[in-house]
């Protein structure tokens, strides 16, 4: 199970209208310069990852690979989404910091 904080922040961002999901919607959001952070599920399909990474490289949006499709999708009330874009800078910063903090905790336990 992933840390509840990351999932809660993603849920808050969705409710605030600051999170979009799905490969096509996230690609469009990045192309318009509206994405502050892209979150890719760890179990994203190869084709979806290729498509979204092309736009990430083109637009220069920061991204992180994190969690599972089922957990992330459930947190934002969507069905089976593998890509999420945060459109608010503060939400993006908070979520990214929380993911980094969790990764640091994991490294300390190893």
Protein backbone atom coordinates (compact mmCIF):
# COMPACT_ATOMS: atom_id res chain seq x y z
CA UNK A 1 0.00 0.00 0.00
CA UNK A 2 1.26 3.46 -0.87
CA UNK A 3 1.46 6.30 1.60
CA UNK A 4 -1.90 7.87 2.26
CA UNK A 5 -0.56 11.45 2.00
CA UNK A 6 0.29 11.25 -1.70
CA UNK A 7 -3.08 9.71 -2.50
CA UNK A 8 -4.92 12.29 -0.39
CA UNK A 9 -3.09 15.18 -2.06
CA UNK A 10 -3.96 13.76 -5.47
CA UNK A 11 -7.61 13.48 -4.38
CA UNK A 12 -7.57 17.08 -3.15
CA UNK A 13 -6.05 18.22 -6.45
CA UNK A 14 -8.78 16.37 -8.38
CA UNK A 15 -11.55 17.91 -6.28
CA UNK A 16 -9.99 21.36 -6.76
CA UNK A 17 -9.95 20.87 -10.54
CA UNK A 18 -6.14 20.82 -10.59
CA UNK A 19 -5.61 17.22 -11.75
CA UNK A 20 -6.35 15.63 -15.10
CA UNK A 21 -5.90 11.98 -15.99
CA UNK A 22 -5.49 9.74 -19.00
CA UNK A 23 -2.85 9.74 -21.70
CA UNK A 24 -4.71 11.92 -24.22
CA UNK A 25 -5.91 14.50 -21.70
CA UNK A 26 -2.48 14.77 -20.08
CA UNK A 27 -0.80 15.08 -23.49
CA UNK A 28 -3.17 17.91 -24.41
CA UNK A 29 -2.63 19.61 -21.04
CA UNK A 30 1.16 19.49 -21.49
CA UNK A 31 0.96 20.77 -25.07
CA UNK A 32 -0.92 23.83 -23.78
CA UNK A 33 1.73 24.46 -21.10
CA UNK A 34 -0.70 23.82 -18.24
CA UNK A 35 0.94 20.80 -16.54
CA UNK A 36 3.20 21.38 -13.54
CA UNK A 37 3.90 17.68 -12.82
CA UNK A 38 3.11 14.38 -14.51
CA UNK A 39 2.71 11.20 -12.47
CA UNK A 40 3.06 7.90 -14.30
CA UNK A 41 1.88 4.70 -12.63
CA UNK A 42 4.65 2.17 -12.16
CA UNK A 43 2.65 -0.41 -14.10
CA UNK A 44 1.87 1.82 -17.10
CA UNK A 45 1.75 0.01 -20.44
CA UNK A 46 4.72 0.31 -22.76
CA UNK A 47 2.70 2.03 -25.50
CA UNK A 48 1.18 4.59 -23.13
CA UNK A 49 4.58 5.31 -21.63
CA UNK A 50 6.15 5.89 -25.06
CA UNK A 51 3.36 8.25 -26.06
CA UNK A 52 3.42 10.30 -22.86
CA UNK A 53 7.23 10.40 -22.62
CA UNK A 54 7.40 11.91 -26.10
CA UNK A 55 5.24 14.84 -24.95
CA UNK A 56 7.09 15.10 -21.61
CA UNK A 57 10.42 15.47 -23.45
CA UNK A 58 8.89 17.99 -25.85
CA UNK A 59 7.30 20.14 -23.16
CA UNK A 60 9.95 19.71 -20.44
CA UNK A 61 7.38 18.99 -17.71
CA UNK A 62 8.80 17.28 -14.60
CA UNK A 63 7.55 13.73 -14.11
CA UNK A 64 7.74 10.91 -11.62
CA UNK A 65 6.93 7.21 -11.86
CA UNK A 66 4.99 6.18 -8.78
CA UNK A 67 2.50 3.65 -7.46
CA UNK A 68 0.06 1.34 -9.19
CA UNK A 69 -2.74 2.12 -11.63
CA UNK A 70 -5.40 0.73 -9.30
CA UNK A 71 -4.29 2.75 -6.24
CA UNK A 72 -3.80 6.02 -8.08
CA UNK A 73 -7.05 5.71 -10.04
CA UNK A 74 -9.03 4.91 -6.91
CA UNK A 75 -7.54 7.93 -5.10
CA UNK A 76 -8.88 10.31 -7.74
CA UNK A 77 -12.15 8.50 -8.42
CA UNK A 78 -11.27 7.42 -11.95
CA UNK A 79 -11.25 3.99 -13.58
CA UNK A 80 -7.88 2.53 -14.54
CA UNK A 81 -5.85 5.62 -15.39
CA UNK A 82 -2.06 5.32 -15.70
CA UNK A 83 -1.13 8.99 -16.24
CA UNK A 84 -2.00 12.03 -14.13
CA UNK A 85 -1.08 15.67 -14.65
CA UNK A 86 -1.15 18.20 -11.82
CA UNK A 87 -1.91 21.69 -13.14
CA UNK A 88 -1.29 23.70 -9.96
CA UNK A 89 2.31 24.54 -9.01
CA UNK A 90 1.71 24.26 -5.25
CA UNK A 91 -0.05 20.90 -5.48
CA UNK A 92 2.72 19.66 -7.78
CA UNK A 93 5.44 20.78 -5.37
CA UNK A 94 3.68 19.24 -2.37
CA UNK A 95 3.04 15.90 -4.09
CA UNK A 96 6.56 15.67 -5.46
CA UNK A 97 8.06 16.49 -2.04
CA UNK A 98 5.92 13.81 -0.40
CA UNK A 99 6.97 11.21 -2.99
CA UNK A 100 10.64 12.13 -2.48
CA UNK A 101 10.21 11.94 1.31
CA UNK A 102 8.70 8.46 0.98
CA UNK A 103 11.55 7.34 -1.30
CA UNK A 104 14.08 8.62 1.27
CA UNK A 105 12.34 6.64 4.04
CA UNK A 106 12.48 3.49 1.90
CA UNK A 107 16.20 3.94 1.27
CA UNK A 108 16.86 4.36 4.99
CA UNK A 109 15.08 1.06 5.74
CA UNK A 110 17.08 -0.92 3.18
